[in-house]
């Protein structure tokens, strides 16, 4: 290649690089004076993503529009608990006005580490059991939040409508997640009220799930998967094993039902959970102290029911006519383990 052409190409590349740098700098400087809402996420997942959307939408409705009056910085650790401290340190370097904490593990680390910035937990089922707040109706000194605590009784009543012969619900729980321990207790209490029994199987890590799932064979009529951070990301593996055993799965969130993975969900609308967190964030931005805010739990209207007709057909189940039941017919091709 001629030397002159090489110089022209090099000069062109330099001009492009400088132009892009200037554009980025201009973009950053235009927004640099805006207050930052940091979002410390556990990992990318439909339920967590939905609550972030709900939070942003509520703030925008209240005049806090992204890149106009507010900035967001979102980081996640890919569900690796060991990376949480580093993620929080990176967010603290931005001097955010508020940090939103997605999931119990992230909230627990932040609550122990950060005491001079308002914290808002979100997607945490049992903030009292997790040690984030002392009482259901009382925030901590610099922490408040929005729980995703679902009412399990109507879930089980609905499950029995779909599977009238059901007597036992199976569930996995992670021994490292405080919310999972709380869920097992609440599930046992709810099951007793509706005449069901519970088979709860513990896991220490995600790779244990295929083997541990086999304990449900012949012992559970359906399986419930909660919002557990360690367990939700491997839902396809759980469903594949459940198909092999001919046991339907009920999931906490509806996205898996829409996609044809789970049979049904009766749980919290995660966009509503995010909106509830947004209500607290707006008050904090307006000068209210975290300790003066009441933590928010889902209201009856924050719950929704969803069924996948194709999955119901696979299990030869009849879905009752009910206008409150939202339905999907998407089908997900599951490769059943051998």
C-alpha atoms as a PDB file:
ATOM      1  CA  UNK A   1       0.000   0.000   0.000  1.00  0.00           C
ATOM      2  CA  UNK A   2       1.455   3.433  -0.955  1.00  0.00           C
ATOM      3  CA  UNK A   3       2.749   5.502   1.929  1.00  0.00           C
ATOM      4  CA  UNK A   4       0.500   8.445   1.005  1.00  0.00           C
ATOM      5  CA  UNK A   5      -2.601   6.260   1.196  1.00  0.00           C
ATOM      6  CA  UNK A   6      -1.534   4.895   4.600  1.00  0.00           C
ATOM      7  CA  UNK A   7      -1.141   8.448   5.930  1.00  0.00           C
ATOM      8  CA  UNK A   8      -4.570   9.437   4.592  1.00  0.00           C
ATOM      9  CA  UNK A   9      -6.212   6.428   6.208  1.00  0.00           C
ATOM     10  CA  UNK A  10      -4.458   7.081   9.506  1.00  0.00           C
ATOM     11  CA  UNK A  11      -5.483  10.741   9.451  1.00  0.00           C
ATOM     12  CA  UNK A  12      -9.082   9.797   8.661  1.00  0.00           C
ATOM     13  CA  UNK A  13      -9.177   7.301  11.516  1.00  0.00           C
ATOM     14  CA  UNK A  14      -7.787   9.906  13.896  1.00  0.00           C
ATOM     15  CA  UNK A  15     -10.397  12.459  12.849  1.00  0.00           C
ATOM     16  CA  UNK A  16     -13.184   9.926  13.363  1.00  0.00           C
ATOM     17  CA  UNK A  17     -11.842   8.983  16.806  1.00  0.00           C
ATOM     18  CA  UNK A  18     -11.550  12.622  17.882  1.00  0.00           C
ATOM     19  CA  UNK A  19     -15.048  13.381  16.583  1.00  0.00           C
ATOM     20  CA  UNK A  20     -16.543  10.450  18.486  1.00  0.00           C
ATOM     21  CA  UNK A  21     -14.656  11.444  21.627  1.00  0.00           C
ATOM     22  CA  UNK A  22     -15.944  14.995  21.353  1.00  0.00           C
ATOM     23  CA  UNK A  23     -19.488  13.788  20.847  1.00  0.00           C
ATOM     24  CA  UNK A  24     -19.235  11.527  23.898  1.00  0.00           C
ATOM     25  CA  UNK A  25     -17.727  14.327  25.950  1.00  0.00           C
ATOM     26  CA  UNK A  26     -20.453  16.709  24.849  1.00  0.00           C
ATOM     27  CA  UNK A  27     -23.096  14.112  25.738  1.00  0.00           C
ATOM     28  CA  UNK A  28     -21.541  13.438  29.153  1.00  0.00           C
ATOM     29  CA  UNK A  29     -21.084  17.128  29.964  1.00  0.00           C
ATOM     30  CA  UNK A  30     -24.653  17.904  29.009  1.00  0.00           C
ATOM     31  CA  UNK A  31     -25.878  15.426  31.624  1.00  0.00           C
ATOM     32  CA  UNK A  32     -23.064  15.735  34.188  1.00  0.00           C
ATOM     33  CA  UNK A  33     -24.969  18.164  36.404  1.00  0.00           C
ATOM     34  CA  UNK A  34     -28.022  15.959  36.740  1.00  0.00           C
ATOM     35  CA  UNK A  35     -28.638  13.974  39.947  1.00  0.00           C
ATOM     36  CA  UNK A  36     -27.799  10.293  39.600  1.00  0.00           C
ATOM     37  CA  UNK A  37     -30.030   7.400  40.631  1.00  0.00           C
ATOM     38  CA  UNK A  38     -27.767   4.355  40.911  1.00  0.00           C
ATOM     39  CA  UNK A  39     -29.364   0.946  40.419  1.00  0.00           C
ATOM     40  CA  UNK A  40     -27.420  -2.008  41.799  1.00  0.00           C
ATOM     41  CA  UNK A  41     -28.937  -5.022  40.063  1.00  0.00           C
ATOM     42  CA  UNK A  42     -28.246  -8.668  40.875  1.00  0.00           C
ATOM     43  CA  UNK A  43     -28.454  -9.702  37.216  1.00  0.00           C
ATOM     44  CA  UNK A  44     -30.516  -9.416  34.073  1.00  0.00           C
ATOM     45  CA  UNK A  45     -33.833 -11.211  34.468  1.00  0.00           C
ATOM     46  CA  UNK A  46     -37.379 -10.450  33.245  1.00  0.00           C
ATOM     47  CA  UNK A  47     -38.775  -9.767  36.742  1.00  0.00           C
ATOM     48  CA  UNK A  48     -35.887  -7.509  37.759  1.00  0.00           C
ATOM     49  CA  UNK A  49     -35.948  -5.739  34.393  1.00  0.00           C
ATOM     50  CA  UNK A  50     -39.720  -5.175  34.690  1.00  0.00           C
ATOM     51  CA  UNK A  51     -39.392  -3.494  38.076  1.00  0.00           C
ATOM     52  CA  UNK A  52     -36.662  -1.195  36.731  1.00  0.00           C
ATOM     53  CA  UNK A  53     -39.019  -0.208  33.912  1.00  0.00           C
ATOM     54  CA  UNK A  54     -41.799   0.451  36.404  1.00  0.00           C
ATOM     55  CA  UNK A  55     -39.522   2.636  38.534  1.00  0.00           C
ATOM     56  CA  UNK A  56     -38.332   4.691  35.564  1.00  0.00           C
ATOM     57  CA  UNK A  57     -41.847   5.109  34.208  1.00  0.00           C
ATOM     58  CA  UNK A  58     -43.183   6.359  37.543  1.00  0.00           C
ATOM     59  CA  UNK A  59     -40.332   8.840  37.955  1.00  0.00           C
ATOM     60  CA  UNK A  60     -40.913  10.152  34.436  1.00  0.00           C
ATOM     61  CA  UNK A  61     -44.603  10.667  35.246  1.00  0.00           C
ATOM     62  CA  UNK A  62     -43.498  12.743  38.228  1.00  0.00           C
ATOM     63  CA  UNK A  63     -41.223  14.939  36.098  1.00  0.00           C
ATOM     64  CA  UNK A  64     -37.939  13.080  36.666  1.00  0.00           C
ATOM     65  CA  UNK A  65     -37.175  12.290  33.032  1.00  0.00           C
ATOM     66  CA  UNK A  66     -34.077  10.312  32.120  1.00  0.00           C
ATOM     67  CA  UNK A  67     -31.218  12.486  30.752  1.00  0.00           C
ATOM     68  CA  UNK A  68     -33.328  15.622  31.167  1.00  0.00           C
ATOM     69  CA  UNK A  69     -33.821  15.998  34.896  1.00  0.00           C
ATOM     70  CA  UNK A  70     -32.287  12.756  36.196  1.00  0.00           C
ATOM     71  CA  UNK A  71     -29.595  10.243  35.250  1.00  0.00           C
ATOM     72  CA  UNK A  72     -29.521   6.513  35.855  1.00  0.00           C
ATOM     73  CA  UNK A  73     -26.484   4.307  36.248  1.00  0.00           C
ATOM     74  CA  UNK A  74     -27.292   0.589  36.239  1.00  0.00           C
ATOM     75  CA  UNK A  75     -24.775  -2.143  37.023  1.00  0.00           C
ATOM     76  CA  UNK A  76     -25.238  -5.845  37.699  1.00  0.00           C
ATOM     77  CA  UNK A  77     -23.086  -8.738  38.852  1.00  0.00           C
ATOM     78  CA  UNK A  78     -24.545 -11.543  36.741  1.00  0.00           C
ATOM     79  CA  UNK A  79     -25.895 -13.204  39.906  1.00  0.00           C
ATOM     80  CA  UNK A  80     -22.374 -13.559  41.333  1.00  0.00           C
ATOM     81  CA  UNK A  81     -22.562 -12.553  45.011  1.00  0.00           C
ATOM     82  CA  UNK A  82     -18.786 -12.160  45.302  1.00  0.00           C
ATOM     83  CA  UNK A  83     -18.897  -9.192  42.885  1.00  0.00           C
ATOM     84  CA  UNK A  84     -21.495  -7.170  44.825  1.00  0.00           C
ATOM     85  CA  UNK A  85     -19.008  -5.118  46.933  1.00  0.00           C
ATOM     86  CA  UNK A  86     -17.078  -4.092  43.819  1.00  0.00           C
ATOM     87  CA  UNK A  87     -20.279  -3.092  42.024  1.00  0.00           C
ATOM     88  CA  UNK A  88     -21.349  -0.939  44.966  1.00  0.00           C
ATOM     89  CA  UNK A  89     -17.929   0.718  45.121  1.00  0.00           C
ATOM     90  CA  UNK A  90     -18.161   1.660  41.439  1.00  0.00           C
ATOM     91  CA  UNK A  91     -21.606   3.167  41.988  1.00  0.00           C
ATOM     92  CA  UNK A  92     -20.446   5.078  45.065  1.00  0.00           C
ATOM     93  CA  UNK A  93     -17.685   6.678  42.974  1.00  0.00           C
ATOM     94  CA  UNK A  94     -20.474   8.449  41.022  1.00  0.00           C
ATOM     95  CA  UNK A  95     -21.790  10.194  44.180  1.00  0.00           C
ATOM     96  CA  UNK A  96     -25.401   9.158  43.510  1.00  0.00           C
ATOM     97  CA  UNK A  97     -28.323  10.822  45.263  1.00  0.00           C
ATOM     98  CA  UNK A  98     -29.995   7.462  45.880  1.00  0.00           C
ATOM     99  CA  UNK A  99     -29.058   3.811  45.350  1.00  0.00           C
ATOM    100  CA  UNK A 100     -31.781   1.336  44.385  1.00  0.00           C
ATOM    101  CA  UNK A 101     -30.932  -2.225  45.444  1.00  0.00           C
ATOM    102  CA  UNK A 102     -32.325  -5.075  43.378  1.00  0.00           C
ATOM    103  CA  UNK A 103     -32.737  -8.353  45.280  1.00  0.00           C
ATOM    104  CA  UNK A 104     -32.012  -9.498  48.815  1.00  0.00           C
ATOM    105  CA  UNK A 105     -28.266 -10.328  48.472  1.00  0.00           C
ATOM    106  CA  UNK A 106     -27.469  -6.909  46.971  1.00  0.00           C
ATOM    107  CA  UNK A 107     -29.566  -5.099  49.590  1.00  0.00           C
ATOM    108  CA  UNK A 108     -27.916  -6.953  52.487  1.00  0.00           C
ATOM    109  CA  UNK A 109     -24.376  -6.084  51.363  1.00  0.00           C
ATOM    110  CA  UNK A 110     -25.288  -2.446  50.726  1.00  0.00           C
ATOM    111  CA  UNK A 111     -27.106  -2.070  54.035  1.00  0.00           C
ATOM    112  CA  UNK A 112     -23.999  -3.246  55.887  1.00  0.00           C
ATOM    113  CA  UNK A 113     -21.644  -1.065  53.836  1.00  0.00           C
ATOM    114  CA  UNK A 114     -23.437   2.230  53.078  1.00  0.00           C
ATOM    115  CA  UNK A 115     -24.787   4.546  55.764  1.00  0.00           C
ATOM    116  CA  UNK A 116     -24.623   8.061  54.295  1.00  0.00           C
ATOM    117  CA  UNK A 117     -26.735   7.698  51.123  1.00  0.00           C
ATOM    118  CA  UNK A 118     -30.472   6.852  50.971  1.00  0.00           C
ATOM    119  CA  UNK A 119     -31.019   3.224  49.985  1.00  0.00           C
ATOM    120  CA  UNK A 120     -34.174   1.817  48.409  1.00  0.00           C
ATOM    121  CA  UNK A 121     -34.458  -1.966  48.241  1.00  0.00           C
ATOM    122  CA  UNK A 122     -36.645  -3.476  45.534  1.00  0.00           C
ATOM    123  CA  UNK A 123     -37.664  -7.074  44.687  1.00  0.00           C
ATOM    124  CA  UNK A 124     -37.019  -8.172  48.281  1.00  0.00           C
ATOM    125  CA  UNK A 125     -39.653 -10.556  49.648  1.00  0.00           C
ATOM    126  CA  UNK A 126     -38.903 -10.388  53.374  1.00  0.00           C
ATOM    127  CA  UNK A 127     -36.963  -7.230  54.304  1.00  0.00           C
ATOM    128  CA  UNK A 128     -37.441  -7.923  58.028  1.00  0.00           C
ATOM    129  CA  UNK A 129     -36.122 -11.482  57.797  1.00  0.00           C
ATOM    130  CA  UNK A 130     -33.245 -10.229  55.643  1.00  0.00           C
ATOM    131  CA  UNK A 131     -32.260  -7.759  58.374  1.00  0.00           C
ATOM    132  CA  UNK A 132     -32.885  -4.660  56.257  1.00  0.00           C
ATOM    133  CA  UNK A 133     -35.581  -3.190  58.510  1.00  0.00           C
ATOM    134  CA  UNK A 134     -36.646  -4.053  62.049  1.00  0.00           C
ATOM    135  CA  UNK A 135     -40.411  -3.959  61.531  1.00  0.00           C
ATOM    136  CA  UNK A 136     -42.804  -4.304  58.604  1.00  0.00           C
ATOM    137  CA  UNK A 137     -44.014  -0.726  58.842  1.00  0.00           C
ATOM    138  CA  UNK A 138     -40.778   1.005  59.842  1.00  0.00           C
ATOM    139  CA  UNK A 139     -37.843   1.946  57.605  1.00  0.00           C
ATOM    140  CA  UNK A 140     -34.245   1.944  58.763  1.00  0.00           C
ATOM    141  CA  UNK A 141     -32.106   5.037  59.313  1.00  0.00           C
ATOM    142  CA  UNK A 142     -31.147   5.348  55.651  1.00  0.00           C
ATOM    143  CA  UNK A 143     -33.013   2.452  54.035  1.00  0.00           C
ATOM    144  CA  UNK A 144     -36.582   1.906  52.896  1.00  0.00           C
ATOM    145  CA  UNK A 145     -38.034  -0.038  50.027  1.00  0.00           C
ATOM    146  CA  UNK A 146     -40.593  -1.925  47.997  1.00  0.00           C
ATOM    147  CA  UNK A 147     -41.187  -5.606  48.708  1.00  0.00           C
ATOM    148  CA  UNK A 148     -42.370  -8.211  46.203  1.00  0.00           C
ATOM    149  CA  UNK A 149     -43.993 -10.330  48.921  1.00  0.00           C
ATOM    150  CA  UNK A 150     -46.750 -12.250  47.108  1.00  0.00           C
ATOM    151  CA  UNK A 151     -49.873 -13.646  48.754  1.00  0.00           C
ATOM    152  CA  UNK A 152     -49.397 -17.409  48.466  1.00  0.00           C
ATOM    153  CA  UNK A 153     -52.908 -18.472  49.511  1.00  0.00           C
ATOM    154  CA  UNK A 154     -54.657 -17.337  46.300  1.00  0.00           C
ATOM    155  CA  UNK A 155     -51.782 -18.863  44.326  1.00  0.00           C
ATOM    156  CA  UNK A 156     -52.433 -22.282  45.872  1.00  0.00           C
ATOM    157  CA  UNK A 157     -56.208 -21.927  45.544  1.00  0.00           C
ATOM    158  CA  UNK A 158     -55.725 -21.161  41.852  1.00  0.00           C
ATOM    159  CA  UNK A 159     -53.324 -24.108  41.464  1.00  0.00           C
ATOM    160  CA  UNK A 160     -56.011 -26.418  42.862  1.00  0.00           C
ATOM    161  CA  UNK A 161     -58.517 -25.010  40.355  1.00  0.00           C
ATOM    162  CA  UNK A 162     -56.167 -26.000  37.543  1.00  0.00           C
ATOM    163  CA  UNK A 163     -55.129 -29.306  39.142  1.00  0.00           C
ATOM    164  CA  UNK A 164     -58.103 -30.460  41.283  1.00  0.00           C
ATOM    165  CA  UNK A 165     -56.329 -33.667  42.335  1.00  0.00           C
ATOM    166  CA  UNK A 166     -53.254 -31.811  43.658  1.00  0.00           C
ATOM    167  CA  UNK A 167     -52.211 -32.651  47.206  1.00  0.00           C
ATOM    168  CA  UNK A 168     -48.504 -31.711  47.302  1.00  0.00           C
ATOM    169  CA  UNK A 169     -46.580 -28.659  46.101  1.00  0.00           C
ATOM    170  CA  UNK A 170     -42.842 -28.995  45.563  1.00  0.00           C
ATOM    171  CA  UNK A 171     -40.351 -26.149  45.793  1.00  0.00           C
ATOM    172  CA  UNK A 172     -36.619 -25.593  45.588  1.00  0.00           C
ATOM    173  CA  UNK A 173     -34.906 -23.146  47.915  1.00  0.00           C
ATOM    174  CA  UNK A 174     -31.358 -21.866  48.218  1.00  0.00           C
ATOM    175  CA  UNK A 175     -29.778 -22.223  51.650  1.00  0.00           C
ATOM    176  CA  UNK A 176     -27.751 -19.047  50.969  1.00  0.00           C
ATOM    177  CA  UNK A 177     -30.760 -16.780  50.329  1.00  0.00           C
ATOM    178  CA  UNK A 178     -32.638 -15.339  53.334  1.00  0.00           C
ATOM    179  CA  UNK A 179     -35.726 -14.700  51.208  1.00  0.00           C
ATOM    180  CA  UNK A 180     -35.866 -18.381  50.262  1.00  0.00           C
ATOM    181  CA  UNK A 181     -35.966 -19.448  53.902  1.00  0.00           C
ATOM    182  CA  UNK A 182     -38.829 -17.016  54.477  1.00  0.00           C
ATOM    183  CA  UNK A 183     -40.646 -18.336  51.399  1.00  0.00           C
ATOM    184  CA  UNK A 184     -40.541 -21.923  52.685  1.00  0.00           C
ATOM    185  CA  UNK A 185     -42.135 -20.827  55.980  1.00  0.00           C
ATOM    186  CA  UNK A 186     -44.826 -18.824  54.231  1.00  0.00           C
ATOM    187  CA  UNK A 187     -45.523 -21.631  51.760  1.00  0.00           C
ATOM    188  CA  UNK A 188     -45.986 -24.126  54.601  1.00  0.00           C
ATOM    189  CA  UNK A 189     -48.416 -21.765  56.349  1.00  0.00           C
ATOM    190  CA  UNK A 190     -50.366 -21.075  53.137  1.00  0.00           C
ATOM    191  CA  UNK A 191     -50.481 -24.780  52.183  1.00  0.00           C
ATOM    192  CA  UNK A 192     -51.902 -25.723  55.579  1.00  0.00           C
ATOM    193  CA  UNK A 193     -54.726 -23.212  55.060  1.00  0.00           C
ATOM    194  CA  UNK A 194     -55.787 -24.733  51.722  1.00  0.00           C
ATOM    195  CA  UNK A 195     -55.202 -28.398  52.552  1.00  0.00           C
ATOM    196  CA  UNK A 196     -51.929 -29.000  50.711  1.00  0.00           C
ATOM    197  CA  UNK A 197     -48.584 -30.394  51.811  1.00  0.00           C
ATOM    198  CA  UNK A 198     -45.137 -29.035  50.904  1.00  0.00           C
ATOM    199  CA  UNK A 199     -42.008 -30.876  49.789  1.00  0.00           C
ATOM    200  CA  UNK A 200     -39.135 -28.371  50.033  1.00  0.00           C
ATOM    201  CA  UNK A 201     -35.775 -29.365  48.537  1.00  0.00           C
ATOM    202  CA  UNK A 202     -32.655 -27.332  49.324  1.00  0.00           C
ATOM    203  CA  UNK A 203     -29.787 -26.464  46.973  1.00  0.00           C
ATOM    204  CA  UNK A 204     -26.380 -24.971  47.695  1.00  0.00           C
ATOM    205  CA  UNK A 205     -25.571 -23.963  44.105  1.00  0.00           C
ATOM    206  CA  UNK A 206     -27.337 -23.844  40.759  1.00  0.00           C
ATOM    207  CA  UNK A 207     -25.529 -26.876  39.349  1.00  0.00           C
ATOM    208  CA  UNK A 208     -27.223 -29.010  42.032  1.00  0.00           C
ATOM    209  CA  UNK A 209     -30.677 -28.380  40.571  1.00  0.00           C
ATOM    210  CA  UNK A 210     -31.005 -31.221  37.993  1.00  0.00           C
ATOM    211  CA  UNK A 211     -30.119 -33.851  40.588  1.00  0.00           C
ATOM    212  CA  UNK A 212     -32.186 -32.262  43.358  1.00  0.00           C
ATOM    213  CA  UNK A 213     -35.225 -31.919  41.090  1.00  0.00           C
ATOM    214  CA  UNK A 214     -35.473 -35.722  40.934  1.00  0.00           C
ATOM    215  CA  UNK A 215     -36.608 -35.732  44.567  1.00  0.00           C
ATOM    216  CA  UNK A 216     -39.984 -34.397  43.399  1.00  0.00           C
ATOM    217  CA  UNK A 217     -40.678 -37.401  41.161  1.00  0.00           C
ATOM    218  CA  UNK A 218     -43.672 -39.263  42.547  1.00  0.00           C
ATOM    219  CA  UNK A 219     -43.862 -36.859  45.483  1.00  0.00           C
ATOM    220  CA  UNK A 220     -45.192 -33.535  44.089  1.00  0.00           C
ATOM    221  CA  UNK A 221     -48.221 -32.654  41.962  1.00  0.00           C
ATOM    222  CA  UNK A 222     -46.849 -29.289  40.885  1.00  0.00           C
ATOM    223  CA  UNK A 223     -43.718 -27.220  41.509  1.00  0.00           C
ATOM    224  CA  UNK A 224     -43.590 -23.580  42.547  1.00  0.00           C
ATOM    225  CA  UNK A 225     -40.560 -21.442  41.648  1.00  0.00           C
ATOM    226  CA  UNK A 226     -40.278 -18.250  43.678  1.00  0.00           C
ATOM    227  CA  UNK A 227     -38.236 -15.104  43.087  1.00  0.00           C
ATOM    228  CA  UNK A 228     -35.001 -16.653  44.359  1.00  0.00           C
ATOM    229  CA  UNK A 229     -31.947 -15.006  42.802  1.00  0.00           C
ATOM    230  CA  UNK A 230     -29.930 -18.253  42.659  1.00  0.00           C
ATOM    231  CA  UNK A 231     -32.843 -20.303  41.257  1.00  0.00           C
ATOM    232  CA  UNK A 232     -34.783 -18.100  38.816  1.00  0.00           C
ATOM    233  CA  UNK A 233     -31.923 -17.806  36.270  1.00  0.00           C
ATOM    234  CA  UNK A 234     -31.976 -21.587  35.741  1.00  0.00           C
ATOM    235  CA  UNK A 235     -35.754 -21.863  35.301  1.00  0.00           C
ATOM    236  CA  UNK A 236     -35.379 -23.551  31.860  1.00  0.00           C
ATOM    237  CA  UNK A 237     -33.424 -26.374  33.540  1.00  0.00           C
ATOM    238  CA  UNK A 238     -36.122 -26.733  36.201  1.00  0.00           C
ATOM    239  CA  UNK A 239     -38.858 -26.846  33.558  1.00  0.00           C
ATOM    240  CA  UNK A 240     -36.969 -29.401  31.462  1.00  0.00           C
ATOM    241  CA  UNK A 241     -36.677 -31.706  34.475  1.00  0.00           C
ATOM    242  CA  UNK A 242     -40.326 -31.124  35.409  1.00  0.00           C
ATOM    243  CA  UNK A 243     -41.419 -32.095  31.887  1.00  0.00           C
ATOM    244  CA  UNK A 244     -39.484 -35.346  32.180  1.00  0.00           C
ATOM    245  CA  UNK A 245     -41.386 -36.105  35.408  1.00  0.00           C
ATOM    246  CA  UNK A 246     -44.704 -34.796  33.997  1.00  0.00           C
ATOM    247  CA  UNK A 247     -45.013 -32.200  36.779  1.00  0.00           C
ATOM    248  CA  UNK A 248     -46.235 -28.685  35.824  1.00  0.00           C
ATOM    249  CA  UNK A 249     -44.446 -25.564  37.067  1.00  0.00           C
ATOM    250  CA  UNK A 250     -45.979 -22.432  38.558  1.00  0.00           C
ATOM    251  CA  UNK A 251     -43.664 -19.423  38.520  1.00  0.00           C
ATOM    252  CA  UNK A 252     -43.588 -16.241  40.588  1.00  0.00           C
ATOM    253  CA  UNK A 253     -43.335 -14.000  37.497  1.00  0.00           C
ATOM    254  CA  UNK A 254     -45.502 -14.136  34.389  1.00  0.00           C
ATOM    255  CA  UNK A 255     -42.786 -13.721  31.740  1.00  0.00           C
ATOM    256  CA  UNK A 256     -41.942 -17.423  31.871  1.00  0.00           C
ATOM    257  CA  UNK A 257     -45.640 -18.200  31.345  1.00  0.00           C
ATOM    258  CA  UNK A 258     -45.850 -15.840  28.368  1.00  0.00           C
ATOM    259  CA  UNK A 259     -42.817 -17.573  26.848  1.00  0.00           C
ATOM    260  CA  UNK A 260     -44.300 -21.049  27.245  1.00  0.00           C
ATOM    261  CA  UNK A 261     -41.965 -22.248  29.987  1.00  0.00           C
ATOM    262  CA  UNK A 262     -44.202 -22.351  33.068  1.00  0.00           C
ATOM    263  CA  UNK A 263     -47.838 -23.422  33.192  1.00  0.00           C
ATOM    264  CA  UNK A 264     -49.067 -20.481  35.228  1.00  0.00           C
ATOM    265  CA  UNK A 265     -48.249 -17.670  37.602  1.00  0.00           C
ATOM    266  CA  UNK A 266     -50.239 -16.001  40.310  1.00  0.00           C
ATOM    267  CA  UNK A 267     -48.022 -13.380  41.748  1.00  0.00           C
ATOM    268  CA  UNK A 268     -46.891  -9.835  41.937  1.00  0.00           C
ATOM    269  CA  UNK A 269     -46.773  -7.601  38.881  1.00  0.00           C
ATOM    270  CA  UNK A 270     -43.119  -6.558  38.936  1.00  0.00           C
ATOM    271  CA  UNK A 271     -43.745  -3.323  37.120  1.00  0.00           C
ATOM    272  CA  UNK A 272     -46.014  -2.449  40.074  1.00  0.00           C
ATOM    273  CA  UNK A 273     -43.197  -3.370  42.481  1.00  0.00           C
ATOM    274  CA  UNK A 274     -40.931  -0.969  40.576  1.00  0.00           C
ATOM    275  CA  UNK A 275     -43.569   1.773  40.645  1.00  0.00           C
ATOM    276  CA  UNK A 276     -43.848   1.348  44.408  1.00  0.00           C
ATOM    277  CA  UNK A 277     -40.078   1.783  44.683  1.00  0.00           C
ATOM    278  CA  UNK A 278     -40.406   4.841  42.441  1.00  0.00           C
ATOM    279  CA  UNK A 279     -42.877   6.393  44.872  1.00  0.00           C
ATOM    280  CA  UNK A 280     -40.226   6.193  47.590  1.00  0.00           C
ATOM    281  CA  UNK A 281     -37.460   7.497  45.311  1.00  0.00           C
ATOM    282  CA  UNK A 282     -39.522  10.548  44.379  1.00  0.00           C
ATOM    283  CA  UNK A 283     -40.114  11.402  48.027  1.00  0.00           C
ATOM    284  CA  UNK A 284     -36.403  11.031  48.768  1.00  0.00           C
ATOM    285  CA  UNK A 285     -35.560  13.323  45.845  1.00  0.00           C
ATOM    286  CA  UNK A 286     -38.009  15.841  47.296  1.00  0.00           C
ATOM    287  CA  UNK A 287     -36.162  15.882  50.607  1.00  0.00           C
ATOM    288  CA  UNK A 288     -38.013  13.354  52.748  1.00  0.00           C
ATOM    289  CA  UNK A 289     -35.712  11.244  54.924  1.00  0.00           C
ATOM    290  CA  UNK A 290     -35.650   7.472  54.400  1.00  0.00           C
ATOM    291  CA  UNK A 291     -36.452   6.785  58.049  1.00  0.00           C
ATOM    292  CA  UNK A 292     -39.637   8.868  57.744  1.00  0.00           C
ATOM    293  CA  UNK A 293     -41.012   6.755  54.894  1.00  0.00           C
ATOM    294  CA  UNK A 294     -43.129   3.642  55.332  1.00  0.00           C
ATOM    295  CA  UNK A 295     -41.881   0.572  53.400  1.00  0.00           C
ATOM    296  CA  UNK A 296     -44.313  -0.567  50.699  1.00  0.00           C
ATOM    297  CA  UNK A 297     -45.721  -4.065  50.286  1.00  0.00           C
ATOM    298  CA  UNK A 298     -47.805  -5.274  47.308  1.00  0.00           C
ATOM    299  CA  UNK A 299     -51.519  -4.497  47.456  1.00  0.00           C
ATOM    300  CA  UNK A 300     -54.141  -6.997  46.167  1.00  0.00           C
ATOM    301  CA  UNK A 301     -54.311  -5.001  42.930  1.00  0.00           C
ATOM    302  CA  UNK A 302     -50.566  -5.485  42.413  1.00  0.00           C
ATOM    303  CA  UNK A 303     -51.109  -9.223  41.835  1.00  0.00           C
ATOM    304  CA  UNK A 304     -52.024 -10.848  38.539  1.00  0.00           C
ATOM    305  CA  UNK A 305     -52.827 -14.303  37.206  1.00  0.00           C
ATOM    306  CA  UNK A 306     -51.478 -15.773  33.968  1.00  0.00           C
ATOM    307  CA  UNK A 307     -51.885 -19.176  32.270  1.00  0.00           C
ATOM    308  CA  UNK A 308     -50.300 -20.663  29.156  1.00  0.00           C
ATOM    309  CA  UNK A 309     -52.914 -22.633  27.191  1.00  0.00           C
ATOM    310  CA  UNK A 310     -50.335 -24.654  25.242  1.00  0.00           C
ATOM    311  CA  UNK A 311     -48.592 -25.823  28.397  1.00  0.00           C
ATOM    312  CA  UNK A 312     -51.989 -26.655  29.934  1.00  0.00           C
ATOM    313  CA  UNK A 313     -52.764 -28.850  26.910  1.00  0.00           C
ATOM    314  CA  UNK A 314     -49.436 -30.632  27.303  1.00  0.00           C
ATOM    315  CA  UNK A 315     -50.402 -31.613  30.860  1.00  0.00           C
ATOM    316  CA  UNK A 316     -54.024 -32.345  29.827  1.00  0.00           C
ATOM    317  CA  UNK A 317     -55.367 -29.639  32.130  1.00  0.00           C
ATOM    318  CA  UNK A 318     -58.539 -27.663  31.614  1.00  0.00           C
ATOM    319  CA  UNK A 319     -58.241 -23.915  32.203  1.00  0.00           C
ATOM    320  CA  UNK A 320     -61.458 -22.584  33.770  1.00  0.00           C
ATOM    321  CA  UNK A 321     -63.162 -19.647  32.125  1.00  0.00           C
ATOM    322  CA  UNK A 322     -62.350 -16.566  34.172  1.00  0.00           C
ATOM    323  CA  UNK A 323     -62.006 -13.045  32.746  1.00  0.00           C
ATOM    324  CA  UNK A 324     -59.408 -12.214  35.408  1.00  0.00           C
ATOM    325  CA  UNK A 325     -57.026 -14.867  34.045  1.00  0.00           C
ATOM    326  CA  UNK A 326     -54.624 -13.518  31.442  1.00  0.00           C
ATOM    327  CA  UNK A 327     -53.676 -16.120  28.858  1.00  0.00           C
ATOM    328  CA  UNK A 328     -50.925 -16.925  26.394  1.00  0.00           C
ATOM    329  CA  UNK A 329     -50.574 -19.605  23.752  1.00  0.00           C
ATOM    330  CA  UNK A 330     -46.842 -19.265  23.094  1.00  0.00           C
ATOM    331  CA  UNK A 331     -44.996 -22.547  23.003  1.00  0.00           C
ATOM    332  CA  UNK A 332     -41.411 -23.090  24.145  1.00  0.00           C
ATOM    333  CA  UNK A 333     -39.575 -26.130  22.803  1.00  0.00           C
ATOM    334  CA  UNK A 334     -38.133 -27.880  25.851  1.00  0.00           C
ATOM    335  CA  UNK A 335     -35.396 -30.478  25.418  1.00  0.00           C
ATOM    336  CA  UNK A 336     -36.282 -33.080  27.998  1.00  0.00           C
ATOM    337  CA  UNK A 337     -33.225 -34.488  29.832  1.00  0.00           C
ATOM    338  CA  UNK A 338     -32.585 -38.172  29.283  1.00  0.00           C
END
